[in-house]
Protein backbone atom coordinates (compact mmCIF):
# COMPACT_ATOMS: atom_id res chain seq x y z
CA MET A 1 -91.84 52.31 -87.86
CA LYS A 2 -94.70 52.19 -85.35
CA LYS A 3 -96.16 55.42 -84.04
CA VAL A 4 -96.96 55.68 -80.32
CA LEU A 5 -98.98 58.26 -78.44
CA LEU A 6 -98.36 58.69 -74.70
CA TYR A 7 -100.57 60.75 -72.41
CA GLY A 8 -101.54 61.12 -68.76
CA SER A 9 -98.49 62.55 -66.96
CA LYS A 10 -98.36 66.13 -65.71
CA LEU A 11 -94.83 67.44 -66.16
CA SER A 12 -94.68 70.83 -64.44
CA TYR A 13 -94.94 71.51 -60.70
CA ASN A 14 -94.74 67.76 -60.29
CA PHE A 15 -92.01 65.18 -59.68
CA GLY A 16 -93.77 61.89 -60.39
CA GLY A 17 -95.06 62.82 -63.85
CA PRO A 18 -91.63 63.50 -65.42
CA CYS A 19 -90.22 60.38 -63.72
CA ILE A 20 -92.89 58.26 -65.39
CA PHE A 21 -92.57 60.03 -68.74
CA PHE A 22 -88.79 59.86 -69.10
CA SER A 23 -88.69 56.26 -67.91
CA THR A 24 -91.52 55.09 -70.15
CA ILE A 25 -89.94 56.40 -73.35
CA LYS A 26 -87.01 54.06 -72.67
CA LEU A 27 -89.37 51.16 -73.35
CA PHE A 28 -89.75 52.22 -76.99
CA PRO A 29 -86.53 51.64 -79.00
CA LYS A 30 -85.93 54.52 -81.39
CA ASP A 31 -85.33 52.19 -84.33
CA LEU A 32 -88.81 50.67 -83.89
CA TYR A 33 -91.00 53.48 -82.58
CA GLU A 34 -91.73 57.12 -83.16
CA VAL A 35 -93.08 58.47 -79.86
CA SER A 36 -95.34 61.48 -79.36
CA PHE A 37 -96.66 62.92 -76.11
CA TYR A 38 -99.96 64.67 -75.53
CA PRO A 39 -100.01 66.76 -72.32
CA GLN A 40 -103.57 66.38 -71.05
CA SER A 41 -103.20 68.57 -67.98
CA PRO A 42 -102.46 72.29 -68.31
CA GLU A 43 -98.69 72.74 -68.23
CA ASP A 44 -97.88 75.96 -66.43
CA ASN A 45 -94.09 76.15 -66.53
CA LEU A 46 -93.50 76.49 -70.26
CA GLU A 47 -89.75 77.04 -69.87
CA LEU A 48 -89.44 73.71 -68.05
CA ILE A 49 -91.63 71.99 -70.65
CA ASP A 50 -89.34 73.26 -73.42
CA TYR A 51 -86.41 71.81 -71.49
CA TYR A 52 -88.17 68.45 -71.17
CA LYS A 53 -88.91 68.48 -74.89
CA SER A 54 -85.23 68.95 -75.70
CA LYS A 55 -84.19 66.19 -73.26
CA SER A 56 -86.73 63.65 -74.46
CA ASN A 57 -86.48 63.96 -78.26
CA VAL A 58 -90.18 63.17 -78.22
CA LYS A 59 -92.71 65.09 -80.28
CA PHE A 60 -95.10 67.08 -78.08
CA ILE A 61 -98.45 67.52 -79.78
CA LYS A 62 -101.31 69.89 -79.15
CA ALA A 63 -104.59 68.00 -79.12
CA PRO A 64 -107.90 69.39 -80.41
CA ARG A 65 -110.32 70.92 -77.93
CA GLN A 66 -111.53 68.55 -75.24
CA ARG A 67 -115.13 68.78 -76.40
CA TYR A 68 -114.18 66.91 -79.58
CA LEU A 69 -113.00 64.01 -77.44
CA PHE A 70 -116.35 64.01 -75.61
CA LEU A 71 -118.20 63.99 -78.92
CA ALA A 72 -115.99 61.27 -80.40
CA PHE A 73 -116.43 59.08 -77.33
CA PHE A 74 -120.20 59.56 -77.20
CA TRP A 75 -120.94 58.92 -80.88
CA LEU A 76 -118.38 56.17 -81.37
CA THR A 77 -119.64 54.30 -78.29
CA ILE A 78 -123.22 54.45 -79.55
CA SER A 79 -122.15 53.47 -83.07
CA SER A 80 -120.12 50.50 -81.84
CA ILE A 81 -123.16 48.78 -80.30
CA LEU A 82 -125.30 49.02 -83.44
CA PRO A 83 -125.52 46.25 -86.09
CA LYS A 84 -122.18 45.66 -87.80
CA LYS A 85 -122.88 47.28 -91.18
CA ILE A 86 -124.46 50.39 -89.68
CA SER A 87 -121.74 50.60 -87.03
CA LYS A 88 -118.96 50.46 -89.60
CA LEU A 89 -120.59 53.18 -91.72
CA LEU A 90 -121.19 55.54 -88.78
CA ILE A 91 -117.70 55.06 -87.33
CA SER A 92 -116.22 55.84 -90.74
CA LYS A 93 -118.19 59.10 -90.92
CA ILE A 94 -117.25 60.13 -87.39
CA GLN A 95 -113.56 59.50 -88.14
CA LYS A 96 -113.70 61.83 -91.12
CA LYS A 97 -115.37 64.70 -89.22
CA ASN A 98 -113.96 64.57 -85.69
CA PRO A 99 -110.52 66.25 -85.12
CA TYR A 100 -109.73 63.94 -82.20
CA CYS A 101 -110.23 60.93 -84.44
CA HIS A 102 -107.88 62.51 -86.98
CA MET A 103 -105.22 62.77 -84.29
CA ILE A 104 -105.66 59.22 -82.99
CA ASN A 105 -105.67 57.75 -86.49
CA GLU A 106 -102.03 58.79 -86.90
CA PHE A 107 -100.94 56.29 -84.22
CA ASP A 108 -100.63 52.53 -83.95
CA LEU A 109 -100.49 52.37 -80.16
CA VAL A 110 -102.03 54.70 -77.56
CA CYS A 111 -100.77 54.49 -73.96
CA ASP A 112 -102.10 55.95 -70.73
CA ILE A 113 -99.05 56.53 -68.49
CA ARG A 114 -100.52 58.19 -65.40
CA GLY A 115 -99.14 56.67 -62.20
CA ILE A 116 -102.44 55.88 -60.51
CA SER A 117 -105.89 55.66 -62.03
CA GLN A 118 -109.40 54.29 -61.58
CA THR A 119 -109.19 54.47 -57.79
CA ASP A 120 -111.75 55.14 -55.09
CA PHE A 121 -109.25 57.58 -53.55
CA PHE A 122 -109.71 60.26 -56.20
CA GLY A 123 -112.76 59.53 -58.35
CA ASN A 124 -116.03 61.44 -58.06
CA GLY A 125 -118.54 59.20 -59.82
CA PHE A 126 -119.17 57.95 -63.34
CA LYS A 127 -118.17 61.25 -64.93
CA SER A 128 -114.60 61.12 -63.59
CA TYR A 129 -114.15 57.37 -64.11
CA ILE A 130 -115.42 57.46 -67.68
CA GLY A 131 -113.34 60.59 -68.28
CA GLU A 132 -110.19 58.64 -67.40
CA ASN A 133 -111.02 56.10 -70.12
CA MET A 134 -112.32 58.26 -72.95
CA LEU A 135 -109.10 58.58 -74.93
CA LEU A 136 -108.22 54.88 -74.71
CA GLY A 137 -111.88 54.01 -75.29
CA VAL A 138 -112.01 56.03 -78.53
CA SER A 139 -108.67 54.58 -79.64
CA ASN A 140 -109.94 51.07 -79.03
CA ILE A 141 -113.08 51.60 -81.12
CA LEU A 142 -110.93 53.04 -83.91
CA GLY A 143 -108.95 49.79 -83.96
CA LYS A 144 -105.77 51.08 -82.32
CA LYS A 145 -103.72 49.07 -79.86
CA THR A 146 -104.29 50.40 -76.35
CA ALA A 147 -102.34 50.05 -73.10
CA LYS A 148 -102.26 51.32 -69.53
CA LEU A 149 -98.60 51.29 -68.54
CA THR A 150 -97.24 50.63 -65.05
CA GLN A 151 -100.00 51.95 -62.84
CA ASP A 152 -101.73 51.33 -59.55
CA MET A 153 -105.47 50.90 -59.95
CA GLY A 154 -108.26 50.38 -57.48
CA PRO A 155 -109.62 49.73 -54.99
CA PHE A 156 -112.94 49.33 -56.80
CA ASN A 157 -115.41 49.50 -53.93
CA LYS A 158 -117.48 52.30 -55.48
CA TYR A 159 -120.11 50.94 -57.86
CA SER A 160 -119.36 53.51 -60.58
CA ASN A 161 -115.64 52.81 -60.39
CA ARG A 162 -116.06 49.04 -60.49
CA LYS A 163 -118.49 48.99 -63.40
CA SER A 164 -116.50 51.40 -65.57
CA ALA A 165 -113.29 49.42 -64.95
CA GLN A 166 -115.02 46.15 -65.82
CA TYR A 167 -116.33 47.63 -69.05
CA PHE A 168 -113.19 49.38 -70.29
CA PHE A 169 -110.23 47.43 -68.99
CA ASN A 170 -111.18 44.15 -70.65
CA LYS A 171 -111.11 45.95 -74.00
CA TYR A 172 -107.50 47.16 -73.71
CA ASP A 173 -104.65 45.16 -75.20
CA LEU A 174 -102.41 45.55 -72.17
CA VAL A 175 -102.76 46.66 -68.55
CA ILE A 176 -99.51 46.75 -66.57
CA SER A 177 -99.98 46.80 -62.83
CA ARG A 178 -97.02 48.06 -60.81
CA GLY A 179 -97.81 45.67 -57.97
CA ILE A 180 -99.49 42.35 -57.23
CA VAL A 181 -102.20 44.03 -55.12
CA THR A 182 -103.50 45.93 -58.14
CA LYS A 183 -103.61 42.73 -60.18
CA GLU A 184 -105.54 40.97 -57.43
CA LEU A 185 -108.02 43.85 -57.22
CA LEU A 186 -108.49 43.71 -60.99
CA ASN A 187 -108.94 39.93 -60.90
CA GLU A 188 -111.65 40.31 -58.23
CA ILE A 189 -113.76 42.40 -60.61
CA GLY A 190 -113.18 40.10 -63.59
CA VAL A 191 -110.27 41.84 -65.33
CA SER A 192 -107.40 39.39 -65.83
CA LYS A 193 -106.69 38.26 -69.41
CA ASN A 194 -104.61 41.30 -70.35
CA VAL A 195 -103.06 42.17 -66.97
CA ILE A 196 -99.41 41.67 -66.03
CA VAL A 197 -97.32 42.86 -63.08
CA LYS A 198 -94.11 44.81 -63.54
CA PRO A 199 -92.29 47.28 -61.25
CA ASP A 200 -92.81 50.99 -61.76
CA SER A 201 -90.94 52.14 -64.87
CA ALA A 202 -89.90 55.26 -62.90
CA PHE A 203 -87.00 53.19 -61.54
CA LEU A 204 -85.31 53.93 -64.87
CA MET A 205 -85.35 57.71 -64.42
CA ASP A 206 -81.94 59.36 -64.88
CA TYR A 207 -80.64 61.98 -62.45
CA SER A 208 -78.10 64.76 -62.16
CA ASN A 209 -74.71 63.82 -60.74
CA GLU A 210 -72.90 65.61 -57.92
CA ASN A 211 -71.00 67.96 -60.26
CA ALA A 212 -74.21 69.05 -62.01
CA LEU A 213 -75.71 69.81 -58.60
CA ALA A 214 -72.85 72.04 -57.44
CA ASP A 215 -74.80 75.29 -57.80
CA VAL A 216 -77.87 73.82 -56.09
CA PHE A 217 -75.79 72.54 -53.17
CA LYS A 218 -74.10 75.93 -52.86
CA SER A 219 -77.40 77.80 -52.97
CA TYR A 220 -78.94 75.65 -50.22
CA ALA A 221 -75.68 75.18 -48.29
CA LEU A 222 -75.86 71.39 -48.55
CA ASN A 223 -73.15 68.75 -48.37
CA LYS A 224 -73.38 65.31 -49.93
CA GLY A 225 -74.53 62.68 -47.44
CA LYS A 226 -74.98 65.24 -44.65
CA TYR A 227 -78.70 65.79 -44.91
CA ILE A 228 -81.87 63.83 -44.25
CA LEU A 229 -84.41 64.22 -47.01
CA ILE A 230 -88.11 64.31 -46.17
CA ALA A 231 -90.90 64.25 -48.76
CA PRO A 232 -94.07 65.66 -47.14
CA SER A 233 -97.52 64.87 -48.52
CA LYS A 234 -100.62 66.96 -48.95
CA GLN A 235 -102.51 63.70 -49.57
CA ILE A 236 -101.86 62.49 -46.02
CA ASP A 237 -102.39 65.96 -44.58
CA LYS A 238 -105.91 66.18 -45.99
CA ARG A 239 -106.74 62.61 -44.88
CA SER A 240 -105.43 63.14 -41.35
CA LYS A 241 -107.53 64.24 -38.37
CA LYS A 242 -107.24 67.87 -37.33
CA ASN A 243 -106.17 69.06 -33.93
CA GLN A 244 -109.02 71.36 -32.91
CA LYS A 245 -106.74 73.51 -30.74
CA THR A 246 -103.93 74.15 -33.23
CA GLY A 247 -105.73 73.66 -36.53
CA ASN A 248 -102.89 71.45 -37.75
CA SER A 249 -103.39 67.89 -38.91
CA GLU A 250 -102.09 65.05 -36.75
CA TYR A 251 -99.77 64.16 -39.63
CA ILE A 252 -98.13 67.59 -39.56
CA GLU A 253 -97.80 67.63 -35.78
CA GLU A 254 -96.34 64.13 -35.59
CA THR A 255 -93.96 64.77 -38.50
CA ALA A 256 -92.83 68.02 -36.88
CA SER A 257 -92.26 66.13 -33.63
CA LEU A 258 -90.22 63.53 -35.53
CA ILE A 259 -88.11 66.25 -37.16
CA ASN A 260 -87.43 67.83 -33.76
CA LYS A 261 -86.30 64.49 -32.35
CA ILE A 262 -83.93 64.09 -35.28
CA LEU A 263 -82.52 67.61 -34.88
CA GLN A 264 -81.91 66.99 -31.18
CA ASN A 265 -80.04 63.74 -31.78
CA TYR A 266 -78.32 64.33 -35.14
CA ALA A 267 -77.25 67.96 -34.91
CA ASP A 268 -74.62 67.54 -37.63
CA PHE A 269 -77.27 66.86 -40.26
CA ASP A 270 -79.62 69.23 -42.07
CA ILE A 271 -83.22 68.43 -42.90
CA VAL A 272 -84.19 68.90 -46.55
CA LEU A 273 -87.92 69.08 -47.31
CA LEU A 274 -88.62 68.22 -50.94
CA PRO A 275 -92.18 68.85 -52.18
CA ASN A 276 -93.26 66.53 -55.01
CA GLU A 277 -96.38 68.32 -56.15
CA ARG A 278 -97.17 72.01 -56.08
CA LEU A 279 -99.86 74.37 -57.24
CA LYS A 280 -99.06 77.20 -59.61
CA ASN A 281 -100.64 79.76 -57.30
CA SER A 282 -100.99 79.93 -53.54
CA LYS A 283 -104.62 78.83 -53.43
CA GLY A 284 -105.18 75.47 -51.79
CA THR A 285 -102.84 73.09 -49.99
CA ASP A 286 -99.93 71.43 -51.74
CA ASP A 287 -96.72 69.71 -50.63
CA LEU A 288 -94.94 73.06 -50.39
CA THR A 289 -97.63 74.34 -48.01
CA VAL A 290 -97.11 71.29 -45.81
CA ALA A 291 -93.33 71.77 -45.91
CA LYS A 292 -93.67 75.38 -44.72
CA GLN A 293 -95.92 74.30 -41.87
CA LEU A 294 -93.38 71.70 -40.79
CA LYS A 295 -90.57 74.25 -40.81
CA SER A 296 -92.65 76.68 -38.74
CA LEU A 297 -93.01 74.02 -36.02
CA SER A 298 -89.29 73.24 -35.89
CA ILE A 299 -87.09 73.85 -32.86
CA ASN A 300 -84.32 74.98 -35.23
CA SER A 301 -85.65 76.27 -38.53
CA ASP A 302 -82.12 77.21 -39.67
CA LYS A 303 -81.37 73.50 -40.04
CA ILE A 304 -84.35 72.98 -42.34
CA LYS A 305 -84.05 73.68 -46.07
CA ILE A 306 -87.13 73.63 -48.31
CA ILE A 307 -86.51 72.91 -52.00
CA SER A 308 -88.92 75.60 -53.14
CA GLU A 309 -87.68 76.19 -56.69
CA ASP A 310 -89.35 74.42 -59.61
CA PHE A 311 -86.31 72.31 -60.47
CA ASP A 312 -86.46 69.73 -63.22
CA ALA A 313 -86.96 66.08 -62.22
CA PHE A 314 -83.33 65.16 -62.99
CA THR A 315 -82.15 67.71 -60.43
CA LEU A 316 -84.70 66.65 -57.82
CA LYS A 317 -83.71 63.00 -58.12
CA GLY A 318 -80.07 64.04 -57.90
CA ILE A 319 -80.80 65.80 -54.60
CA ILE A 320 -82.54 62.66 -53.33
CA SER A 321 -79.62 60.47 -54.43
CA ASN A 322 -77.15 62.42 -52.27
CA ALA A 323 -79.14 62.18 -49.03
CA HIS A 324 -77.95 60.07 -46.11
CA ILE A 325 -81.45 58.68 -45.64
CA CYS A 326 -84.96 59.52 -46.82
CA ILE A 327 -88.27 59.77 -44.95
CA SER A 328 -90.96 59.68 -47.60
CA SER A 329 -94.70 60.19 -47.75
CA ARG A 330 -94.63 60.47 -51.55
CA TYR A 331 -94.51 57.51 -53.90
CA HIS A 332 -92.05 58.72 -56.52
CA THR A 333 -89.63 60.11 -53.96
CA THR A 334 -89.68 56.60 -52.49
CA VAL A 335 -88.96 55.13 -55.95
CA ALA A 336 -86.18 57.68 -56.55
CA SER A 337 -84.62 56.91 -53.18
CA ILE A 338 -84.70 53.14 -53.67
CA SER A 339 -83.47 53.31 -57.27
CA THR A 340 -80.40 55.25 -56.09
CA CYS A 341 -79.89 52.89 -53.11
CA VAL A 342 -80.65 55.57 -50.52
CA PRO A 343 -82.33 53.88 -47.52
CA VAL A 344 -85.91 55.05 -47.04
CA VAL A 345 -88.48 54.82 -44.28
CA VAL A 346 -92.05 55.47 -45.32
CA ILE A 347 -95.20 57.01 -43.92
CA GLY A 348 -97.66 55.51 -46.38
CA TRP A 349 -101.30 56.12 -47.26
CA GLY A 350 -102.01 53.26 -49.68
CA TYR A 351 -101.10 49.68 -50.54
CA LYS A 352 -98.77 50.92 -53.28
CA TYR A 353 -96.09 51.74 -50.68
CA ASP A 354 -96.16 48.30 -49.07
CA GLN A 355 -95.75 46.46 -52.36
CA LEU A 356 -92.95 48.83 -53.47
CA LEU A 357 -90.94 48.23 -50.29
CA THR A 358 -91.56 44.48 -50.49
CA VAL A 359 -90.01 44.11 -53.96
CA SER A 360 -87.13 46.30 -52.79
CA GLY A 361 -86.28 44.00 -49.88
CA ILE A 362 -87.26 46.39 -47.05
CA PRO A 363 -90.93 45.52 -46.30
CA SER A 364 -90.81 46.50 -42.62
CA LEU A 365 -89.66 50.11 -43.09
CA ILE A 366 -93.15 51.61 -43.25
CA GLU A 367 -95.90 52.87 -41.00
CA ASN A 368 -99.47 53.57 -42.05
CA HIS A 369 -100.41 57.24 -41.84
CA LYS A 370 -103.42 56.37 -39.69
CA THR A 371 -101.19 54.98 -36.93
CA PHE A 372 -98.13 57.18 -37.56
CA ASN A 373 -96.64 58.44 -34.33
CA ALA A 374 -93.29 60.16 -33.87
CA ASP A 375 -92.43 58.16 -30.74
CA THR A 376 -92.90 54.77 -32.44
CA PHE A 377 -91.53 55.83 -35.82
CA TYR A 378 -88.31 57.36 -34.51
CA PRO A 379 -86.72 54.01 -33.47
CA ILE A 380 -87.32 52.68 -37.01
CA PHE A 381 -85.67 55.77 -38.44
CA LYS A 382 -82.75 55.52 -35.99
CA THR A 383 -82.09 51.87 -36.82
CA VAL A 384 -81.92 52.61 -40.54
CA PHE A 385 -79.93 55.82 -40.07
CA ASP A 386 -77.32 54.14 -37.88
CA ASN A 387 -77.05 51.15 -40.23
CA ARG A 388 -77.25 53.03 -43.52
CA ASP A 389 -74.76 50.90 -45.46
CA TYR A 390 -76.47 47.68 -44.42
CA TYR A 391 -79.84 48.81 -45.75
CA SER A 392 -78.32 50.40 -48.83
CA ASN A 393 -76.74 47.04 -49.69
CA ILE A 394 -80.04 45.22 -49.26
CA ILE A 395 -81.69 47.66 -51.65
CA SER A 396 -78.86 47.42 -54.19
CA LEU A 397 -79.28 43.63 -54.37
CA ASN A 398 -82.84 44.14 -55.59
CA VAL A 399 -82.63 47.26 -57.75
CA GLU A 400 -80.79 45.74 -60.71
CA GLU A 401 -83.27 42.85 -60.87
CA ILE A 402 -86.13 45.32 -60.71
CA LYS A 403 -84.71 47.27 -63.66
CA LYS A 404 -84.19 44.08 -65.68
CA ASP A 405 -87.80 43.13 -65.04
CA ILE A 406 -89.00 46.55 -66.22
CA TYR A 407 -87.07 46.24 -69.49
CA LYS A 408 -88.98 43.02 -70.24
CA ASN A 409 -91.85 45.38 -71.07
CA VAL A 410 -90.04 46.17 -74.32
CA ASP A 411 -90.68 42.65 -75.66
CA ILE A 412 -94.24 42.65 -74.33
CA ILE A 413 -95.04 45.92 -76.10
CA ASN A 414 -93.35 44.69 -79.28
CA ARG A 415 -95.55 41.58 -79.35
CA ILE A 416 -98.66 43.70 -78.99
CA THR A 417 -97.78 46.07 -81.80
CA GLU A 418 -96.72 43.20 -84.09
CA ASN A 419 -100.03 41.41 -83.50
CA GLU A 420 -102.11 43.61 -85.80
């Protein structure tokens, strides 16, 4: 039985991470693989993590201190470029002494499963870009199979980003892009031989049914199909221009204006604001902060419900699945909406949204955050709202094919692990 190590997804105070994690483990049949997970980011909600452990039947491991990874990466990289005999001897010695090497040596395949990586949007120079590749880089030198599973990567306009991607990505056994744009960006910088395109594995994420959500619906006074779900985004908020008079971003003011238009014209429906990503403490801006700002600008705050509890991802997707329609500025809420055939209109901040809607059969239901305006966006929303079943049917025609395509990754991964 092959042993697999997954890492890269944050599971607490986050919706996308658990969606990726629980979907990815479905690509490793239990009769062929023994899967372990290494939480790289600090996991703050330990009760929720224990719940995820019990639901996944995956072994959660505690890695050695991060400094041992730095040391392993530094010395193994230097050793690997020396003459073959010397390199082999030094690598053997490092493996025996370094705790991180001991951990990695237990596995046959090491997989990075973060949703987006190696992008100009988030990186801060060579240190951050190399940091993203250290674990896979060490695994590669130690002779393990390495893969980046179902991610968006790029753009690679920054020199440090481009050069680190060119160096590392060509060494990995498999890089799965979750859209054609990522593959094209990789091809432009000379990474192509090991790159394939498959839809986001998060489409496979399970979710709570209506009966399991009874207490949640009661607590928030919600009725199935009688609310409009909105996923606000701190990412767009911080990229949006600020109104000097109010101090609010244009994104918040335009979204609040959109919500008020909806409340005026669809009084029978509630608005549910569902934050995807939150901070443990109140310092800094997160999706919950944005949601509270939106509610404060509402003409009828009683009609707005903020999902403020740290529910598990199954519950959150269940709430999404029972909405009449979704307005999303978050990627994995968009995936969750589409995968449950709930029509979605998107305020996007990257190419990943366009390619997601294209494969789902609804390419026109998006506006770029830079041009987002409540007056122009509202007619798009109204068309989809008033023709919900039509758009739901379009999505349903594509979802099953998308899921079939994702499951083809099982054979691809099998071929890699068999080719030792």
